[in-house]
Structure formats: structure tokens, C-alpha cells
Amino acid sequence: MAKRDYYEILGAEKNADASALKKAYRKQAMKHHPDRNPGDNAAEAAFKEVNEAYEILKDDQKRAAYDQYGHAAFEQSGGGGGFGGMGGGGGFSDIFEDLFGDFMGGRRSGGGGAQNRGSDLRYNMEISLEDAYHGKQTEIKIPTSVECESCEGSGAAENSEPVSCSTCHGHGKVRAQQGFFTIERTCPACQGQGRVIENPCSACRGEGRINKEKTLSINIPAGVDDGNRIRLSGEGEMGLRGGTPGDLYIFLSIADHRIFQREGENLHCRVPIPMTIAALGGDIEVPTLDGARARVSISAGTPTGKKFRLRGKGMPVMNYSENGDMYIHTIVETPTNLTKRQKELLREFEAEGGGSHNPESEGFFTRVKDFLADLKD
């Protein structure tokens, strides 16, 4: 099966400059990234195609060869493998760094620390609506990788140090002739570090890090919503042999509340009211999320579903000194377990023309009558 054109894969013009090419690549990589399409084999294959295409076209020398010879420029050698797939140090780690550098907290500079950067971690935390309203200071424990104290992160045993890599002579990269030009790749012996460990630390086995549970203090600001995340820079996994630590992302979810329902910065509360108050009017008291109570005046003739607005009684708006609103939704309650006398009073009310005071039911049955009449015509 013939390989697709690299420009077509990225959705870029052949005369696109480096900026336009990168923009097209980021768009396609975001669309097909496996994290956004879990279990989708087609998306994973497309993501690899996007990565492969960009690895060639972002390099001026490789791009010139591709423009002149097409895919044949990278199929010259029999055993070395060309640029297909994720080999040669390009890989998912480079994609992740390039694609999510801004999204996940800023792109890192080059060098050994950046190459060996530790993984970002995710922690899912459920909090109550009250905690989201007031804010919360809490502690969490996470299993992670931290710097090895025995070797201070170097990975080398005591009284020894990493030595220069004999394969790349400390450069971290090796060069090889590939078709019409020279290709520079990450050194396979030292994985781009430029140094190797001949006498590894026994505590961390040369990794410069060990697994350990870490306790962190978390400040949850007032007004957070379901799906918000908190980034703790440098609190992810420690990188290999002194590499930069990753970040920790805390994803928040808000537990369902027994009284209130949240909608953005507003709160909603369904409140049952007696039939008598709904008919005659009166005052009721309702709870608010700050622990107080608010008085609501119910007007005479209030039906089920009528909304009453309490300004400023909703959720705090993050980064602003204001609150949303709270809405009371009335539910007119039908009385039960009536006494004999209460039933007599209701019958007297009905006899006095009580049915004429129900405009919604009168309107409904009028529409029913008209509907049935139309069916006979």
C-alpha cells in the first residue's frame, strides 16, 4: 500500500513555512492523540503518521530531500530503518513535549535534564459542594519517584561518577549517512545523555531515583467547578539521573449534593411548599450554602415550578469578589392524611366554585375539548 503524502497527512500546503507547518502538525496531533482517543487503533495509527510526517518536514534538509525524491529518499538503506514509526529518539516523548508543552505547563529547554524529564502525574480528587464554595486546604499522599538520597540523583555508586560515553564521545548524538545526507540521531548507548554509568548506585540501580510515597499540601480555591484542575509544578515523577521532575495535575470532581444543584456559578434548590401558602401567599425560609437561612416571600397563587431568585447566594466566582445567584423552584405539595373536617372544608371549597380558580387545568381541558372536536370534523 502506497504511503500517503506527508503534506496531505498534516493538512499543510507544500510551500508552508515552518510556523504554518508546526501549526498544522499541532492541530492534527491534538486531534489524533491516543490520550484523546483511548482504544481507537485508527486514531493511534493516524497519530503515528502525523508524527512521522512532521519529523521529516520540520527538518530543512530532510524536507528538501522529500520534496525532490518523495518517500524514496528514506528507503535507501536496507537495515538501518529510515524514519518510519517512532524510532531514532523522535518518539512519543518528543511529541508530548512539543505538542503539550504549553498545555501541560510550559515547554522545557534542552539538555540532559529536559531529555530525562520525569512523567507528569494525574490525581483525581472528589470534593463536596461545600468545599468548592468555601475553598479547602488539604493533604494528599501520592506514590511517585523521588531523587535517590544515596547518589543524590546521579545514579552512580559512592566514590564514582558517570563517565563520557565512548560511542558519541559525550555529545549525546551520533551521525550516520542516510541516502543523500547525514542523519543525526540520539546515541543508543547513553540515550542522549552523553555519559554512562559504569558503577551504578545499588539503592536506585543507576536510575538516580527511587519509588516513595509523598505527602503534599493542596490549596483548593473557592469557586472551583467540576473538571477544573490544579497544577503543581515539579511535583510529578523525578527524572532519570538528575532529570527535571514532571508536574502533578489534580483533576477535581464535585460530589452530588442532597439539597442544591449547581449550574456554573448559580445554585438551584427545589423547595416543597404547602398548598395553603401557594394559594394564599406567605413566607418560607430556605437554607443557603454558607450555612445561613434566607427568607423568601411567596406570592398568592404560586404554581409548581415558579422560580424565585436570591442574588449573590450562589457559588463564588473564581478570581472575582462576587457570587452567582441562587434559584428557588417551588413544588406545591398536595396534602395527605386529611381529617374528616379538612375533607369537608375542601368539598365546601369545591362547591363554592373552587374549580374555577385553576386556570391551568381549565386551559388544558379546553384544549382537549377542541382537539376532540377537530377529530370529529
Protein backbone atom coordinates (compact mmCIF):
# COMPACT_ATOMS: atom_id res chain seq x y z
CA MET A 1 0.00 0.00 0.00
CA ALA A 2 1.44 3.35 -1.09
CA LYS A 3 2.30 5.77 1.69
CA ARG A 4 0.28 8.97 1.92
CA ASP A 5 1.84 12.29 1.08
CA TYR A 6 3.34 13.92 4.19
CA TYR A 7 1.82 17.33 3.39
CA GLU A 8 -1.58 15.71 2.96
CA ILE A 9 -1.25 13.97 6.34
CA LEU A 10 -0.54 17.28 8.08
CA GLY A 11 -3.10 19.21 6.05
CA ALA A 12 -0.43 21.73 5.03
CA GLU A 13 0.49 23.38 1.75
CA LYS A 14 3.78 22.38 0.11
CA ASN A 15 5.02 25.95 0.35
CA ALA A 16 4.08 26.28 4.05
CA ASP A 17 6.73 27.93 6.20
CA ALA A 18 7.99 26.41 9.47
CA SER A 19 5.37 28.22 11.57
CA ALA A 20 2.44 27.13 9.39
CA LEU A 21 3.81 23.59 9.26
CA LYS A 22 4.05 23.40 13.05
CA LYS A 23 0.55 24.83 13.44
CA ALA A 24 -0.86 22.18 11.09
CA TYR A 25 1.06 19.46 12.92
CA ARG A 26 -0.19 20.54 16.36
CA LYS A 27 -3.78 20.55 15.10
CA GLN A 28 -3.56 17.03 13.68
CA ALA A 29 -1.60 15.64 16.64
CA MET A 30 -4.14 17.04 19.10
CA LYS A 31 -6.94 15.51 17.05
CA HIS A 32 -5.46 12.00 16.90
CA HIS A 33 -3.51 11.81 20.19
CA PRO A 34 -4.11 8.44 21.94
CA ASP A 35 -4.98 10.17 25.21
CA ARG A 36 -7.94 11.79 23.46
CA ASN A 37 -8.93 8.60 21.63
CA PRO A 38 -8.45 5.73 24.09
CA GLY A 39 -8.77 2.32 22.46
CA ASP A 40 -9.05 3.78 18.93
CA ASN A 41 -6.50 1.93 16.79
CA ALA A 42 -7.23 4.08 13.75
CA ALA A 43 -6.51 7.26 15.71
CA GLU A 44 -3.26 5.77 17.04
CA ALA A 45 -2.16 4.87 13.51
CA ALA A 46 -3.05 8.36 12.28
CA PHE A 47 -1.11 9.89 15.18
CA LYS A 48 1.98 7.90 14.19
CA GLU A 49 1.58 9.08 10.59
CA VAL A 50 1.37 12.70 11.75
CA ASN A 51 4.48 12.27 13.89
CA GLU A 52 6.41 10.62 11.06
CA ALA A 53 5.42 13.34 8.59
CA TYR A 54 6.41 16.16 10.89
CA GLU A 55 9.73 14.54 11.81
CA ILE A 56 10.69 14.76 8.14
CA LEU A 57 9.18 18.10 7.15
CA LYS A 58 10.33 20.09 10.18
CA ASP A 59 13.97 19.44 9.19
CA ASP A 60 15.01 21.63 6.24
CA GLN A 61 17.48 19.08 4.89
CA LYS A 62 15.08 16.14 5.13
CA ARG A 63 12.26 18.23 3.71
CA ALA A 64 14.35 19.21 0.69
CA ALA A 65 15.14 15.55 0.02
CA TYR A 66 11.47 14.60 0.39
CA ASP A 67 10.34 17.39 -1.94
CA GLN A 68 12.77 16.14 -4.59
CA TYR A 69 12.58 12.36 -4.21
CA GLY A 70 9.44 11.71 -2.16
CA HIS A 71 9.35 8.67 0.13
CA ALA A 72 12.12 7.02 -1.88
CA ALA A 73 14.63 9.37 -0.24
CA PHE A 74 14.14 7.49 3.03
CA GLU A 75 14.11 3.95 1.71
CA GLN A 76 17.74 3.79 0.61
CA SER A 77 19.24 1.67 3.39
CA GLY A 78 18.44 -1.96 3.92
CA GLY A 79 18.93 -2.45 7.63
CA GLY A 80 19.03 0.95 9.33
CA GLY A 81 15.33 1.62 9.21
CA GLY A 82 14.83 5.15 7.74
CA PHE A 83 12.42 7.44 9.60
CA GLY A 84 9.27 5.35 9.86
CA GLY A 85 7.46 4.75 13.14
CA MET A 86 8.70 6.20 16.41
CA GLY A 87 12.38 5.22 16.38
CA GLY A 88 15.53 7.29 16.45
CA GLY A 89 14.69 9.38 19.51
CA GLY A 90 11.69 11.12 17.91
CA GLY A 91 9.05 9.07 19.63
CA PHE A 92 6.09 9.82 21.84
CA SER A 93 8.19 11.71 24.37
CA ASP A 94 9.23 14.30 21.76
CA ILE A 95 5.66 14.55 20.51
CA PHE A 96 4.31 15.01 24.01
CA GLU A 97 6.88 17.68 24.81
CA ASP A 98 6.27 19.56 21.58
CA LEU A 99 2.51 19.18 21.50
CA PHE A 100 1.64 19.62 25.15
CA GLY A 101 4.49 21.87 26.25
CA ASP A 102 2.17 24.85 26.63
CA PHE A 103 -0.96 22.88 27.51
CA MET A 104 0.71 20.98 30.34
CA GLY A 105 2.73 23.72 31.86
CA GLY A 106 5.32 25.18 29.51
CA ARG A 107 7.97 23.76 27.22
CA ARG A 108 11.29 22.86 28.78
CA SER A 109 14.67 23.86 27.47
CA GLY A 110 17.06 21.29 26.02
CA GLY A 111 19.85 19.42 27.73
CA GLY A 112 20.08 16.26 29.76
CA GLY A 113 17.60 17.43 32.39
CA ALA A 114 14.94 18.06 29.76
CA GLN A 115 15.62 14.80 27.92
CA ASN A 116 15.24 12.81 31.13
CA ARG A 117 12.30 14.81 32.41
CA GLY A 118 10.07 12.79 34.70
CA SER A 119 6.49 11.93 33.84
CA ASP A 120 3.58 14.18 34.71
CA LEU A 121 1.18 12.63 37.22
CA ARG A 122 -2.59 12.84 37.50
CA TYR A 123 -4.51 12.70 40.78
CA ASN A 124 -8.32 12.54 40.80
CA MET A 125 -9.91 14.25 43.79
CA GLU A 126 -13.60 14.43 44.68
CA ILE A 127 -14.67 17.27 46.96
CA SER A 128 -18.02 18.33 48.39
CA LEU A 129 -20.01 21.30 47.13
CA GLU A 130 -19.35 22.97 50.48
CA ASP A 131 -15.59 22.62 49.93
CA ALA A 132 -15.96 24.10 46.46
CA TYR A 133 -17.92 27.01 47.99
CA HIS A 134 -15.56 27.82 50.86
CA GLY A 135 -12.26 26.57 49.43
CA LYS A 136 -10.15 23.99 51.22
CA GLN A 137 -6.64 23.29 52.45
CA THR A 138 -5.95 19.57 52.48
CA GLU A 139 -3.18 16.99 52.19
CA ILE A 140 -2.83 14.14 49.71
CA LYS A 141 -0.46 11.19 49.51
CA ILE A 142 0.83 10.11 46.11
CA PRO A 143 3.12 7.24 45.11
CA THR A 144 5.86 8.73 42.93
CA SER A 145 9.57 8.73 42.13
CA VAL A 146 11.89 10.98 44.12
CA GLU A 147 15.61 11.68 43.98
CA CYS A 148 17.79 8.90 45.36
CA GLU A 149 19.47 10.17 48.51
CA SER A 150 22.33 7.67 48.28
CA CYS A 151 23.69 9.01 44.99
CA GLU A 152 21.96 12.42 45.06
CA GLY A 153 20.31 11.63 41.76
CA SER A 154 23.45 10.86 39.76
CA GLY A 155 22.78 7.12 39.51
CA ALA A 156 26.45 6.35 40.25
CA ALA A 157 27.70 4.46 43.28
CA GLU A 158 29.57 6.22 46.06
CA ASN A 159 33.06 7.47 45.11
CA SER A 160 32.29 7.06 41.42
CA GLU A 161 30.83 9.30 38.73
CA PRO A 162 29.27 8.88 35.30
CA VAL A 163 31.88 8.84 32.53
CA SER A 164 31.80 10.21 29.00
CA CYS A 165 30.05 7.90 26.52
CA SER A 166 32.58 6.25 24.22
CA THR A 167 30.01 5.86 21.42
CA CYS A 168 29.12 9.53 21.00
CA HIS A 169 32.14 10.99 22.84
CA GLY A 170 29.91 12.91 25.21
CA HIS A 171 27.73 14.60 22.56
CA GLY A 172 24.60 12.53 23.17
CA LYS A 173 24.07 12.15 19.42
CA VAL A 174 25.59 10.09 16.64
CA ARG A 175 25.69 10.74 12.92
CA ALA A 176 25.12 8.30 10.10
CA GLN A 177 24.96 8.58 6.31
CA GLN A 178 21.41 8.02 5.06
CA GLY A 179 20.91 8.26 1.34
CA PHE A 180 21.91 11.73 0.18
CA PHE A 181 22.52 13.35 3.52
CA THR A 182 23.79 12.86 7.04
CA ILE A 183 21.34 12.00 9.79
CA GLU A 184 21.86 12.88 13.43
CA ARG A 185 20.23 10.60 15.96
CA THR A 186 20.14 10.15 19.71
CA CYS A 187 23.01 7.99 20.87
CA PRO A 188 21.68 4.47 21.58
CA ALA A 189 24.39 3.77 24.15
CA CYS A 190 23.68 6.67 26.52
CA GLN A 191 20.15 7.63 25.34
CA GLY A 192 21.32 11.15 24.61
CA GLN A 193 22.92 11.82 27.98
CA GLY A 194 26.48 11.91 26.75
CA ARG A 195 27.54 9.99 29.86
CA VAL A 196 27.21 6.39 31.01
CA ILE A 197 27.32 4.81 34.46
CA GLU A 198 29.91 2.08 34.86
CA ASN A 199 29.33 1.55 38.59
CA PRO A 200 25.60 2.08 39.29
CA CYS A 201 24.18 3.01 42.70
CA SER A 202 22.85 -0.09 44.49
CA ALA A 203 19.92 1.79 46.03
CA CYS A 204 18.40 3.03 42.77
CA ARG A 205 20.17 0.67 40.32
CA GLY A 206 21.59 3.56 38.38
CA GLU A 207 18.31 5.42 37.79
CA GLY A 208 19.03 8.22 40.24
CA ARG A 209 15.52 7.92 41.66
CA ILE A 210 13.53 5.63 43.93
CA ASN A 211 9.82 4.98 44.45
CA LYS A 212 8.36 6.65 47.50
CA GLU A 213 5.05 7.96 48.83
CA LYS A 214 4.99 11.74 49.09
CA THR A 215 2.64 13.93 51.15
CA LEU A 216 1.62 17.25 49.60
CA SER A 217 -0.42 20.18 50.90
CA ILE A 218 -3.08 21.28 48.43
CA ASN A 219 -4.90 24.62 48.39
CA ILE A 220 -8.29 24.38 46.66
CA PRO A 221 -9.58 27.89 45.89
CA ALA A 222 -13.21 28.86 46.48
CA GLY A 223 -15.40 28.57 43.40
CA VAL A 224 -13.75 25.60 41.68
CA ASP A 225 -16.01 23.64 39.38
CA ASP A 226 -16.29 20.07 38.19
CA GLY A 227 -13.42 19.29 35.81
CA ASN A 228 -11.12 22.09 37.00
CA ARG A 229 -7.52 21.09 37.53
CA ILE A 230 -4.72 22.32 39.76
CA ARG A 231 -1.13 22.13 38.52
CA LEU A 232 1.72 21.65 40.97
CA SER A 233 4.94 22.34 39.09
CA GLY A 234 7.77 19.91 39.77
CA GLU A 235 5.68 17.57 41.93
CA GLY A 236 5.45 14.78 39.36
CA GLU A 237 7.90 11.93 38.90
CA MET A 238 11.61 12.66 39.29
CA GLY A 239 13.53 12.38 36.02
CA LEU A 240 16.23 9.79 35.41
CA ARG A 241 19.66 10.64 36.80
CA GLY A 242 19.05 14.22 37.79
CA GLY A 243 16.46 14.93 35.12
CA THR A 244 13.83 17.61 35.64
CA PRO A 245 10.79 16.38 37.62
CA GLY A 246 7.41 16.34 35.93
CA ASP A 247 4.31 18.13 37.15
CA LEU A 248 1.34 16.93 39.18
CA TYR A 249 -2.17 17.66 37.89
CA ILE A 250 -5.06 17.39 40.32
CA PHE A 251 -8.38 16.92 38.50
CA LEU A 252 -11.36 17.94 40.62
CA SER A 253 -14.85 16.49 40.63
CA ILE A 254 -17.73 17.82 42.74
CA ALA A 255 -19.89 15.29 44.59
CA ASP A 256 -23.67 15.49 44.20
CA HIS A 257 -25.38 17.50 46.94
CA ARG A 258 -28.52 16.42 48.78
CA ILE A 259 -30.16 19.86 48.55
CA PHE A 260 -28.50 22.01 45.90
CA GLN A 261 -27.82 21.53 42.22
CA ARG A 262 -25.06 23.59 40.64
CA GLU A 263 -25.15 25.20 37.22
CA GLY A 264 -21.96 27.17 36.64
CA GLU A 265 -21.86 29.93 39.24
CA ASN A 266 -25.56 29.55 40.12
CA LEU A 267 -27.28 27.21 42.55
CA HIS A 268 -30.74 25.70 42.26
CA CYS A 269 -32.92 24.35 45.07
CA ARG A 270 -36.31 22.62 44.74
CA VAL A 271 -38.46 23.57 47.73
CA PRO A 272 -41.84 21.97 48.54
CA ILE A 273 -44.43 24.45 49.83
CA PRO A 274 -47.85 23.76 51.40
CA MET A 275 -50.90 24.19 49.20
CA THR A 276 -52.23 26.88 51.52
CA ILE A 277 -49.12 29.06 51.20
CA ALA A 278 -49.11 28.54 47.44
CA ALA A 279 -52.76 29.69 47.28
CA LEU A 280 -52.76 32.46 49.89
CA GLY A 281 -49.11 33.57 49.86
CA GLY A 282 -46.70 33.69 52.77
CA ASP A 283 -43.07 33.49 53.79
CA ILE A 284 -40.76 30.47 53.83
CA GLU A 285 -37.18 30.01 54.95
CA VAL A 286 -34.63 28.22 52.77
CA PRO A 287 -31.03 27.17 53.54
CA THR A 288 -28.06 28.72 51.78
CA LEU A 289 -24.70 27.08 51.14
CA ASP A 290 -22.90 29.39 53.56
CA GLY A 291 -24.87 27.80 56.43
CA ALA A 292 -27.38 30.65 56.89
CA ARG A 293 -31.08 30.83 56.06
CA ALA A 294 -32.86 33.19 53.69
CA ARG A 295 -36.48 34.34 53.81
CA VAL A 296 -38.48 34.09 50.59
CA SER A 297 -41.87 35.77 50.14
CA ILE A 298 -44.25 33.54 48.22
CA SER A 299 -46.90 35.44 46.30
CA ALA A 300 -50.53 34.25 46.31
CA GLY A 301 -51.35 31.82 43.52
CA THR A 302 -47.79 30.48 43.14
CA PRO A 303 -47.75 27.34 40.94
CA THR A 304 -45.30 24.44 40.92
CA GLY A 305 -42.13 25.34 39.04
CA LYS A 306 -42.12 29.07 39.73
CA LYS A 307 -38.59 30.45 40.27
CA PHE A 308 -37.54 32.90 42.95
CA ARG A 309 -34.08 34.49 42.64
CA LEU A 310 -31.78 35.19 45.55
CA ARG A 311 -29.00 37.48 44.33
CA GLY A 312 -25.46 36.72 45.43
CA LYS A 313 -26.36 33.45 47.19
CA GLY A 314 -24.77 31.22 44.56
CA MET A 315 -21.19 30.00 44.14
CA PRO A 316 -18.14 32.27 44.39
CA VAL A 317 -16.70 33.25 41.02
CA MET A 318 -13.01 32.30 40.98
CA ASN A 319 -10.63 35.27 40.88
CA TYR A 320 -13.51 37.72 41.38
CA SER A 321 -15.05 39.09 44.55
CA GLU A 322 -18.59 38.18 43.57
CA ASN A 323 -21.04 35.30 43.75
CA GLY A 324 -23.59 33.83 41.44
CA ASP A 325 -27.29 33.62 42.29
CA MET A 326 -29.48 31.02 43.91
CA TYR A 327 -32.83 30.00 42.40
CA ILE A 328 -35.70 28.56 44.42
CA HIS A 329 -38.01 26.27 42.41
CA THR A 330 -41.36 25.79 44.14
CA ILE A 331 -43.13 22.43 44.32
CA VAL A 332 -46.72 22.78 45.50
CA GLU A 333 -47.41 19.84 47.81
CA THR A 334 -50.73 18.02 47.80
CA PRO A 335 -51.96 17.46 51.38
CA THR A 336 -52.30 13.88 52.58
CA ASN A 337 -53.88 12.13 55.62
CA LEU A 338 -56.67 14.70 55.83
CA THR A 339 -59.11 14.69 58.78
CA LYS A 340 -62.83 14.41 58.25
CA ARG A 341 -63.27 18.13 58.89
CA GLN A 342 -60.49 19.06 56.45
CA LYS A 343 -62.14 16.98 53.75
CA GLU A 344 -65.48 18.70 54.43
CA LEU A 345 -63.82 22.12 54.07
CA LEU A 346 -62.29 21.13 50.74
CA ARG A 347 -65.66 19.88 49.48
CA GLU A 348 -67.24 23.18 50.55
CA PHE A 349 -64.49 24.97 48.68
CA GLU A 350 -65.22 22.89 45.59
CA ALA A 351 -68.95 23.54 45.92
CA GLU A 352 -68.24 27.28 46.05
CA GLY A 353 -66.67 27.09 42.61
CA GLY A 354 -63.20 26.02 43.59
CA GLY A 355 -62.55 24.55 40.14
CA SER A 356 -62.81 27.99 38.54
CA HIS A 357 -59.64 29.03 40.35
CA ASN A 358 -57.45 26.54 38.47
CA PRO A 359 -56.57 28.32 35.21
CA GLU A 360 -54.02 25.76 34.04
CA SER A 361 -56.36 22.78 34.31
CA GLU A 362 -59.21 24.80 32.77
CA GLY A 363 -56.97 25.75 29.85
CA PHE A 364 -55.78 22.17 29.39
CA PHE A 365 -59.27 20.65 29.28
CA THR A 366 -60.42 23.39 26.92
CA ARG A 367 -57.63 22.37 24.54
CA VAL A 368 -58.61 18.71 24.94
CA LYS A 369 -62.22 19.55 24.06
CA ASP A 370 -61.12 21.46 20.94
CA PHE A 371 -58.80 18.60 19.94
CA LEU A 372 -61.55 16.01 20.18
CA ALA A 373 -63.92 18.24 18.26
CA ASP A 374 -61.38 18.61 15.44
CA LEU A 375 -61.04 14.83 15.19
CA LYS A 376 -64.80 14.51 14.53
CA ASP A 377 -64.78 17.07 11.71
